[in-house]
Amino acid sequence: MIIDWATTQVYNTIMCVAAGVGLLLILRFGSHLNNSKVGQLEGWAIGFEILGFILTLTGGHMSLTWPLAQIGFPFDDIIFGEPALAFGVLLLAASILLWRKSNLYLKQGIDMNDHKAVSKMLSEELPGLLKPLSYFAAAMGLALFAIAIAGVTYQLFAAPPEEPISGAFADYPLMEAIFISVLYVIIGLGAVLFPFALKRKPNLNVVKTIKYCWRLTGVILVLFGVMNYFTHIGLIVNTME
């Protein structure tokens, strides 16, 4: 297979890494908040902003221009582009909230190095601030379920045989379809449960489920994205004119 790479863009490598790190960063922030170790909010805000910017930019471009349609995978523009765009915007929103809270606390004379004081105030205010965002997150979680069903039904996600490593399973499309679909279901489950974790007294089992879901998928996404830096470069080399 020969592909004219001048007509398309494939950047779900950095999207995959950013999405995985984003899930893990949310869990890390929640852990620090629960253990009264949050402290300086600017660093967290910038961390969420960087990941949100990457996902919003790449996901937005993929959702609006459908670059993967040029190489025969138009459905991947929906599967990867739109969830990345949604997650990116949510991370940017979280970044803005944390940045504004940081400035407000400074104006109130609160020592940002007083981790216990900052964590206590955020623990009281953050659930109410994030509640409106959590509804969209939950809706996109349901969308991930739908994508997973489509992935298995139509046996999507299979890499072309020219792609190193992943291409070895090109003759078994259901294998990669199940792998990616299960990944989407686990991420989606955490997103659907997210609003329930923001209750004043959330069920601990719900919180633990979200942690397990996003920790597992976050690590897998990062490692999968890192691997794709090799496999996608190999695909390009193997399909150039």
C-alpha atoms as a PDB file:
ATOM      1  CA  MET A   1       0.000   0.000   0.000  1.00  0.00           C
ATOM      2  CA  ILE A   2       1.262   3.466  -0.977  1.00  0.00           C
ATOM      3  CA  ILE A   3      -0.033   6.548   0.876  1.00  0.00           C
ATOM      4  CA  ASP A   4       0.410  10.174  -0.140  1.00  0.00           C
ATOM      5  CA  TRP A   5       1.332  11.506   3.294  1.00  0.00           C
ATOM      6  CA  ALA A   6       1.382  15.074   1.994  1.00  0.00           C
ATOM      7  CA  THR A   7      -2.429  15.004   1.947  1.00  0.00           C
ATOM      8  CA  THR A   8      -3.049  13.925   5.536  1.00  0.00           C
ATOM      9  CA  GLN A   9      -1.829  14.141   9.115  1.00  0.00           C
ATOM     10  CA  VAL A  10      -1.533  11.408  11.724  1.00  0.00           C
ATOM     11  CA  TYR A  11      -0.894  12.783  15.196  1.00  0.00           C
ATOM     12  CA  ASN A  12      -2.837  10.475  17.483  1.00  0.00           C
ATOM     13  CA  THR A  13       0.581   9.647  18.948  1.00  0.00           C
ATOM     14  CA  ILE A  14       0.783  12.823  21.019  1.00  0.00           C
ATOM     15  CA  MET A  15      -3.001  12.749  21.533  1.00  0.00           C
ATOM     16  CA  CYS A  16      -2.728   9.293  23.105  1.00  0.00           C
ATOM     17  CA  VAL A  17       0.145  10.294  25.394  1.00  0.00           C
ATOM     18  CA  ALA A  18      -1.577  13.540  26.437  1.00  0.00           C
ATOM     19  CA  ALA A  19      -4.870  11.768  27.171  1.00  0.00           C
ATOM     20  CA  GLY A  20      -3.124   9.145  29.299  1.00  0.00           C
ATOM     21  CA  VAL A  21      -1.137  11.721  31.245  1.00  0.00           C
ATOM     22  CA  GLY A  22      -4.320  13.777  31.655  1.00  0.00           C
ATOM     23  CA  LEU A  23      -6.141  10.894  33.341  1.00  0.00           C
ATOM     24  CA  LEU A  24      -3.177  10.202  35.610  1.00  0.00           C
ATOM     25  CA  LEU A  25      -2.758  13.889  36.466  1.00  0.00           C
ATOM     26  CA  ILE A  26      -6.403  14.116  37.555  1.00  0.00           C
ATOM     27  CA  LEU A  27      -5.863  11.175  39.899  1.00  0.00           C
ATOM     28  CA  ARG A  28      -2.615  12.649  41.192  1.00  0.00           C
ATOM     29  CA  PHE A  29      -4.274  15.970  41.905  1.00  0.00           C
ATOM     30  CA  GLY A  30      -7.158  14.226  43.682  1.00  0.00           C
ATOM     31  CA  SER A  31      -4.690  12.235  45.785  1.00  0.00           C
ATOM     32  CA  HIS A  32      -2.778  15.383  46.767  1.00  0.00           C
ATOM     33  CA  LEU A  33      -6.047  17.127  47.602  1.00  0.00           C
ATOM     34  CA  ASN A  34      -7.208  14.231  49.755  1.00  0.00           C
ATOM     35  CA  ASN A  35      -3.842  14.144  51.582  1.00  0.00           C
ATOM     36  CA  SER A  36      -3.653  17.948  52.023  1.00  0.00           C
ATOM     37  CA  LYS A  37      -0.601  18.296  49.762  1.00  0.00           C
ATOM     38  CA  VAL A  38      -1.904  20.507  46.954  1.00  0.00           C
ATOM     39  CA  GLY A  39      -0.095  23.752  47.808  1.00  0.00           C
ATOM     40  CA  GLN A  40       0.884  25.867  44.808  1.00  0.00           C
ATOM     41  CA  LEU A  41      -1.989  25.809  42.329  1.00  0.00           C
ATOM     42  CA  GLU A  42      -0.206  27.486  39.420  1.00  0.00           C
ATOM     43  CA  GLY A  43       1.808  24.381  38.622  1.00  0.00           C
ATOM     44  CA  TRP A  44      -1.304  22.188  38.540  1.00  0.00           C
ATOM     45  CA  ALA A  45      -3.119  24.755  36.409  1.00  0.00           C
ATOM     46  CA  ILE A  46      -0.264  24.875  33.901  1.00  0.00           C
ATOM     47  CA  GLY A  47      -0.056  21.072  33.877  1.00  0.00           C
ATOM     48  CA  PHE A  48      -3.732  20.752  32.964  1.00  0.00           C
ATOM     49  CA  GLU A  49      -3.442  23.663  30.520  1.00  0.00           C
ATOM     50  CA  ILE A  50      -0.610  22.094  28.510  1.00  0.00           C
ATOM     51  CA  LEU A  51      -2.439  18.791  28.110  1.00  0.00           C
ATOM     52  CA  GLY A  52      -5.740  20.548  27.425  1.00  0.00           C
ATOM     53  CA  PHE A  53      -4.170  22.729  24.751  1.00  0.00           C
ATOM     54  CA  ILE A  54      -2.622  19.740  22.955  1.00  0.00           C
ATOM     55  CA  LEU A  55      -5.852  17.739  22.999  1.00  0.00           C
ATOM     56  CA  THR A  56      -8.067  20.691  22.053  1.00  0.00           C
ATOM     57  CA  LEU A  57      -5.802  21.679  19.157  1.00  0.00           C
ATOM     58  CA  THR A  58      -5.274  18.216  17.694  1.00  0.00           C
ATOM     59  CA  GLY A  59      -8.736  16.899  18.543  1.00  0.00           C
ATOM     60  CA  GLY A  60     -10.368  20.036  17.153  1.00  0.00           C
ATOM     61  CA  HIS A  61      -8.397  19.848  13.918  1.00  0.00           C
ATOM     62  CA  MET A  62      -9.158  16.133  13.511  1.00  0.00           C
ATOM     63  CA  SER A  63     -12.873  16.649  14.250  1.00  0.00           C
ATOM     64  CA  LEU A  64     -13.238  19.523  11.792  1.00  0.00           C
ATOM     65  CA  THR A  65     -11.017  18.455   8.894  1.00  0.00           C
ATOM     66  CA  TRP A  66     -11.117  14.619   8.955  1.00  0.00           C
ATOM     67  CA  PRO A  67      -7.458  14.102   7.922  1.00  0.00           C
ATOM     68  CA  LEU A  68      -7.609  10.318   8.364  1.00  0.00           C
ATOM     69  CA  ALA A  69     -10.319  10.094   5.707  1.00  0.00           C
ATOM     70  CA  GLN A  70      -7.552  10.738   3.173  1.00  0.00           C
ATOM     71  CA  ILE A  71      -5.986   7.355   3.964  1.00  0.00           C
ATOM     72  CA  GLY A  72      -9.189   5.350   4.232  1.00  0.00           C
ATOM     73  CA  PHE A  73     -10.029   5.663   7.945  1.00  0.00           C
ATOM     74  CA  PRO A  74     -12.710   8.401   8.180  1.00  0.00           C
ATOM     75  CA  PHE A  75     -14.329   6.771  11.223  1.00  0.00           C
ATOM     76  CA  ASP A  76     -11.087   7.259  13.179  1.00  0.00           C
ATOM     77  CA  ASP A  77     -11.571  11.017  12.941  1.00  0.00           C
ATOM     78  CA  ILE A  78     -14.707  10.586  15.069  1.00  0.00           C
ATOM     79  CA  ILE A  79     -13.305   7.835  17.287  1.00  0.00           C
ATOM     80  CA  PHE A  80     -10.109   9.686  18.228  1.00  0.00           C
ATOM     81  CA  GLY A  81     -10.756  13.327  17.355  1.00  0.00           C
ATOM     82  CA  GLU A  82     -13.993  14.097  19.163  1.00  0.00           C
ATOM     83  CA  PRO A  83     -13.195  12.447  22.538  1.00  0.00           C
ATOM     84  CA  ALA A  84      -9.787  14.150  22.483  1.00  0.00           C
ATOM     85  CA  LEU A  85     -11.426  17.521  21.798  1.00  0.00           C
ATOM     86  CA  ALA A  86     -13.932  17.010  24.625  1.00  0.00           C
ATOM     87  CA  PHE A  87     -11.271  15.944  27.115  1.00  0.00           C
ATOM     88  CA  GLY A  88      -9.011  18.816  26.076  1.00  0.00           C
ATOM     89  CA  VAL A  89     -11.699  21.427  26.649  1.00  0.00           C
ATOM     90  CA  LEU A  90     -12.510  19.929  30.055  1.00  0.00           C
ATOM     91  CA  LEU A  91      -8.845  20.048  31.065  1.00  0.00           C
ATOM     92  CA  LEU A  92      -8.608  23.680  29.945  1.00  0.00           C
ATOM     93  CA  ALA A  93     -11.683  24.498  32.008  1.00  0.00           C
ATOM     94  CA  ALA A  94     -10.124  22.848  35.069  1.00  0.00           C
ATOM     95  CA  SER A  95      -6.933  24.799  34.452  1.00  0.00           C
ATOM     96  CA  ILE A  96      -8.811  28.109  34.378  1.00  0.00           C
ATOM     97  CA  LEU A  97     -10.680  27.261  37.582  1.00  0.00           C
ATOM     98  CA  LEU A  98      -7.473  26.408  39.434  1.00  0.00           C
ATOM     99  CA  TRP A  99      -5.696  29.522  38.140  1.00  0.00           C
ATOM    100  CA  ARG A 100      -8.559  31.767  39.237  1.00  0.00           C
ATOM    101  CA  LYS A 101      -8.671  30.092  42.649  1.00  0.00           C
ATOM    102  CA  SER A 102      -4.952  30.609  43.031  1.00  0.00           C
ATOM    103  CA  ASN A 103      -5.276  34.334  42.331  1.00  0.00           C
ATOM    104  CA  LEU A 104      -8.269  34.610  44.682  1.00  0.00           C
ATOM    105  CA  TYR A 105      -6.466  32.899  47.538  1.00  0.00           C
ATOM    106  CA  LEU A 106      -3.449  35.174  47.069  1.00  0.00           C
ATOM    107  CA  LYS A 107      -5.693  38.249  47.227  1.00  0.00           C
ATOM    108  CA  GLN A 108      -7.192  36.884  50.434  1.00  0.00           C
ATOM    109  CA  GLY A 109      -3.702  36.691  51.915  1.00  0.00           C
ATOM    110  CA  ILE A 110      -3.577  32.898  52.062  1.00  0.00           C
ATOM    111  CA  ASP A 111      -0.094  31.413  52.093  1.00  0.00           C
ATOM    112  CA  MET A 112       0.008  29.107  49.046  1.00  0.00           C
ATOM    113  CA  ASN A 113       2.738  27.088  50.748  1.00  0.00           C
ATOM    114  CA  ASP A 114       0.284  26.212  53.501  1.00  0.00           C
ATOM    115  CA  HIS A 115      -0.792  22.954  51.869  1.00  0.00           C
ATOM    116  CA  LYS A 116      -3.344  22.068  54.515  1.00  0.00           C
ATOM    117  CA  ALA A 117      -5.149  25.396  54.289  1.00  0.00           C
ATOM    118  CA  VAL A 118      -5.208  25.405  50.484  1.00  0.00           C
ATOM    119  CA  SER A 119      -6.317  21.771  50.327  1.00  0.00           C
ATOM    120  CA  LYS A 120      -9.071  22.342  52.880  1.00  0.00           C
ATOM    121  CA  MET A 121     -10.519  25.289  50.976  1.00  0.00           C
ATOM    122  CA  LEU A 122     -10.326  23.518  47.629  1.00  0.00           C
ATOM    123  CA  SER A 123     -11.908  20.365  49.041  1.00  0.00           C
ATOM    124  CA  GLU A 124     -14.906  22.440  50.104  1.00  0.00           C
ATOM    125  CA  GLU A 125     -15.229  24.467  46.885  1.00  0.00           C
ATOM    126  CA  LEU A 126     -14.068  22.202  44.069  1.00  0.00           C
ATOM    127  CA  PRO A 127     -16.991  19.699  43.993  1.00  0.00           C
ATOM    128  CA  GLY A 128     -19.461  22.526  43.399  1.00  0.00           C
ATOM    129  CA  LEU A 129     -17.230  24.111  40.770  1.00  0.00           C
ATOM    130  CA  LEU A 130     -16.676  20.871  38.857  1.00  0.00           C
ATOM    131  CA  LYS A 131     -20.268  19.617  39.050  1.00  0.00           C
ATOM    132  CA  PRO A 132     -21.427  21.378  35.853  1.00  0.00           C
ATOM    133  CA  LEU A 133     -18.389  20.077  33.955  1.00  0.00           C
ATOM    134  CA  SER A 134     -18.980  16.549  35.209  1.00  0.00           C
ATOM    135  CA  TYR A 135     -22.275  16.222  33.312  1.00  0.00           C
ATOM    136  CA  PHE A 136     -20.530  16.683  29.968  1.00  0.00           C
ATOM    137  CA  ALA A 137     -17.817  14.269  31.086  1.00  0.00           C
ATOM    138  CA  ALA A 138     -20.488  11.687  31.906  1.00  0.00           C
ATOM    139  CA  ALA A 139     -22.216  12.202  28.551  1.00  0.00           C
ATOM    140  CA  MET A 140     -18.924  11.679  26.738  1.00  0.00           C
ATOM    141  CA  GLY A 141     -18.414   8.549  28.850  1.00  0.00           C
ATOM    142  CA  LEU A 142     -21.627   7.202  27.342  1.00  0.00           C
ATOM    143  CA  ALA A 143     -20.316   8.211  23.916  1.00  0.00           C
ATOM    144  CA  LEU A 144     -17.213   6.106  24.573  1.00  0.00           C
ATOM    145  CA  PHE A 145     -19.506   3.132  25.233  1.00  0.00           C
ATOM    146  CA  ALA A 146     -21.109   3.714  21.836  1.00  0.00           C
ATOM    147  CA  ILE A 147     -17.702   3.936  20.155  1.00  0.00           C
ATOM    148  CA  ALA A 148     -16.671   0.681  21.827  1.00  0.00           C
ATOM    149  CA  ILE A 149     -19.795  -1.080  20.547  1.00  0.00           C
ATOM    150  CA  ALA A 150     -19.139   0.242  17.037  1.00  0.00           C
ATOM    151  CA  GLY A 151     -15.506  -0.857  17.280  1.00  0.00           C
ATOM    152  CA  VAL A 152     -16.430  -4.465  17.983  1.00  0.00           C
ATOM    153  CA  THR A 153     -19.459  -4.511  15.659  1.00  0.00           C
ATOM    154  CA  TYR A 154     -17.503  -3.284  12.628  1.00  0.00           C
ATOM    155  CA  GLN A 155     -14.101  -4.637  13.767  1.00  0.00           C
ATOM    156  CA  LEU A 156     -12.419  -1.237  13.667  1.00  0.00           C
ATOM    157  CA  PHE A 157      -9.009  -0.178  15.068  1.00  0.00           C
ATOM    158  CA  ALA A 158      -7.032  -2.841  13.157  1.00  0.00           C
ATOM    159  CA  ALA A 159      -3.639  -1.500  12.046  1.00  0.00           C
ATOM    160  CA  PRO A 160      -2.597  -1.996   8.389  1.00  0.00           C
ATOM    161  CA  PRO A 161      -0.071  -4.799   7.772  1.00  0.00           C
ATOM    162  CA  GLU A 162       2.588  -2.223   6.864  1.00  0.00           C
ATOM    163  CA  GLU A 163       2.616  -0.911  10.453  1.00  0.00           C
ATOM    164  CA  PRO A 164       5.298  -2.495  12.677  1.00  0.00           C
ATOM    165  CA  ILE A 165       4.164  -4.482  15.754  1.00  0.00           C
ATOM    166  CA  SER A 166       0.419  -3.664  15.518  1.00  0.00           C
ATOM    167  CA  GLY A 167       0.374  -4.713  11.858  1.00  0.00           C
ATOM    168  CA  ALA A 168       1.267  -8.262  12.873  1.00  0.00           C
ATOM    169  CA  PHE A 169      -2.369  -8.629  13.987  1.00  0.00           C
ATOM    170  CA  ALA A 170      -3.845  -7.215  10.759  1.00  0.00           C
ATOM    171  CA  ASP A 171      -5.341 -10.618   9.902  1.00  0.00           C
ATOM    172  CA  TYR A 172      -7.106 -10.682  13.277  1.00  0.00           C
ATOM    173  CA  PRO A 173      -9.032  -7.379  13.319  1.00  0.00           C
ATOM    174  CA  LEU A 174     -11.305  -8.466  16.144  1.00  0.00           C
ATOM    175  CA  MET A 175      -8.319  -8.731  18.499  1.00  0.00           C
ATOM    176  CA  GLU A 176      -7.356  -5.067  18.334  1.00  0.00           C
ATOM    177  CA  ALA A 177     -11.030  -4.062  18.119  1.00  0.00           C
ATOM    178  CA  ILE A 178     -11.690  -5.756  21.460  1.00  0.00           C
ATOM    179  CA  PHE A 179      -8.531  -4.296  23.040  1.00  0.00           C
ATOM    180  CA  ILE A 180      -9.284  -0.667  22.125  1.00  0.00           C
ATOM    181  CA  SER A 181     -13.029  -1.045  22.754  1.00  0.00           C
ATOM    182  CA  VAL A 182     -12.459  -2.421  26.256  1.00  0.00           C
ATOM    183  CA  LEU A 183     -10.074   0.494  26.891  1.00  0.00           C
ATOM    184  CA  TYR A 184     -12.783   2.952  25.847  1.00  0.00           C
ATOM    185  CA  VAL A 185     -15.374   1.236  28.043  1.00  0.00           C
ATOM    186  CA  ILE A 186     -13.133   1.455  31.121  1.00  0.00           C
ATOM    187  CA  ILE A 187     -12.368   5.142  30.516  1.00  0.00           C
ATOM    188  CA  GLY A 188     -16.063   5.776  29.874  1.00  0.00           C
ATOM    189  CA  LEU A 189     -17.082   4.040  33.096  1.00  0.00           C
ATOM    190  CA  GLY A 190     -14.871   6.390  35.100  1.00  0.00           C
ATOM    191  CA  ALA A 191     -16.356   9.385  33.270  1.00  0.00           C
ATOM    192  CA  VAL A 192     -19.956   8.243  33.825  1.00  0.00           C
ATOM    193  CA  LEU A 193     -19.288   7.809  37.550  1.00  0.00           C
ATOM    194  CA  PHE A 194     -17.465  11.138  37.885  1.00  0.00           C
ATOM    195  CA  PRO A 195     -20.530  13.256  38.828  1.00  0.00           C
ATOM    196  CA  PHE A 196     -21.308  10.834  41.680  1.00  0.00           C
ATOM    197  CA  ALA A 197     -17.795  11.320  43.067  1.00  0.00           C
ATOM    198  CA  LEU A 198     -18.520  15.026  43.516  1.00  0.00           C
ATOM    199  CA  LYS A 199     -21.273  14.538  46.067  1.00  0.00           C
ATOM    200  CA  ARG A 200     -20.725  15.989  49.522  1.00  0.00           C
ATOM    201  CA  LYS A 201     -20.293  12.459  50.869  1.00  0.00           C
ATOM    202  CA  PRO A 202     -19.439  10.294  47.866  1.00  0.00           C
ATOM    203  CA  ASN A 203     -19.613   6.521  47.959  1.00  0.00           C
ATOM    204  CA  LEU A 204     -16.063   5.249  48.500  1.00  0.00           C
ATOM    205  CA  ASN A 205     -16.625   2.363  46.106  1.00  0.00           C
ATOM    206  CA  VAL A 206     -17.494   4.833  43.354  1.00  0.00           C
ATOM    207  CA  VAL A 207     -14.325   6.823  44.009  1.00  0.00           C
ATOM    208  CA  LYS A 208     -12.207   3.675  44.049  1.00  0.00           C
ATOM    209  CA  THR A 209     -13.748   2.473  40.782  1.00  0.00           C
ATOM    210  CA  ILE A 210     -12.891   5.757  39.072  1.00  0.00           C
ATOM    211  CA  LYS A 211      -9.338   5.545  40.380  1.00  0.00           C
ATOM    212  CA  TYR A 212      -8.853   1.991  39.142  1.00  0.00           C
ATOM    213  CA  CYS A 213     -10.412   2.767  35.755  1.00  0.00           C
ATOM    214  CA  TRP A 214      -8.367   5.859  35.027  1.00  0.00           C
ATOM    215  CA  ARG A 215      -5.112   4.624  36.546  1.00  0.00           C
ATOM    216  CA  LEU A 216      -5.156   1.471  34.429  1.00  0.00           C
ATOM    217  CA  THR A 217      -6.196   3.183  31.203  1.00  0.00           C
ATOM    218  CA  GLY A 218      -3.929   6.179  31.799  1.00  0.00           C
ATOM    219  CA  VAL A 219      -0.855   3.968  32.014  1.00  0.00           C
ATOM    220  CA  ILE A 220      -1.947   1.917  28.993  1.00  0.00           C
ATOM    221  CA  LEU A 221      -2.608   5.035  26.891  1.00  0.00           C
ATOM    222  CA  VAL A 222       0.785   6.519  27.702  1.00  0.00           C
ATOM    223  CA  LEU A 223       2.623   3.288  26.879  1.00  0.00           C
ATOM    224  CA  PHE A 224       0.519   2.708  23.751  1.00  0.00           C
ATOM    225  CA  GLY A 225       1.140   6.268  22.567  1.00  0.00           C
ATOM    226  CA  VAL A 226       4.873   5.932  23.170  1.00  0.00           C
ATOM    227  CA  MET A 227       4.906   2.679  21.176  1.00  0.00           C
ATOM    228  CA  ASN A 228       3.011   4.374  18.366  1.00  0.00           C
ATOM    229  CA  TYR A 229       5.823   6.868  17.914  1.00  0.00           C
ATOM    230  CA  PHE A 230       7.804   3.917  16.554  1.00  0.00           C
ATOM    231  CA  THR A 231       4.964   2.081  14.804  1.00  0.00           C
ATOM    232  CA  HIS A 232       3.547   5.151  13.068  1.00  0.00           C
ATOM    233  CA  ILE A 233       6.951   6.278  11.874  1.00  0.00           C
ATOM    234  CA  GLY A 234       7.462   2.753  10.570  1.00  0.00           C
ATOM    235  CA  LEU A 235       4.073   2.874   8.832  1.00  0.00           C
ATOM    236  CA  ILE A 236       5.011   6.112   7.097  1.00  0.00           C
ATOM    237  CA  VAL A 237       8.383   4.743   5.994  1.00  0.00           C
ATOM    238  CA  ASN A 238       6.771   1.535   4.710  1.00  0.00           C
ATOM    239  CA  THR A 239       4.053   3.282   2.727  1.00  0.00           C
ATOM    240  CA  MET A 240       5.876   6.239   1.190  1.00  0.00           C
ATOM    241  CA  GLU A 241       6.070   6.477  -2.578  1.00  0.00           C
END
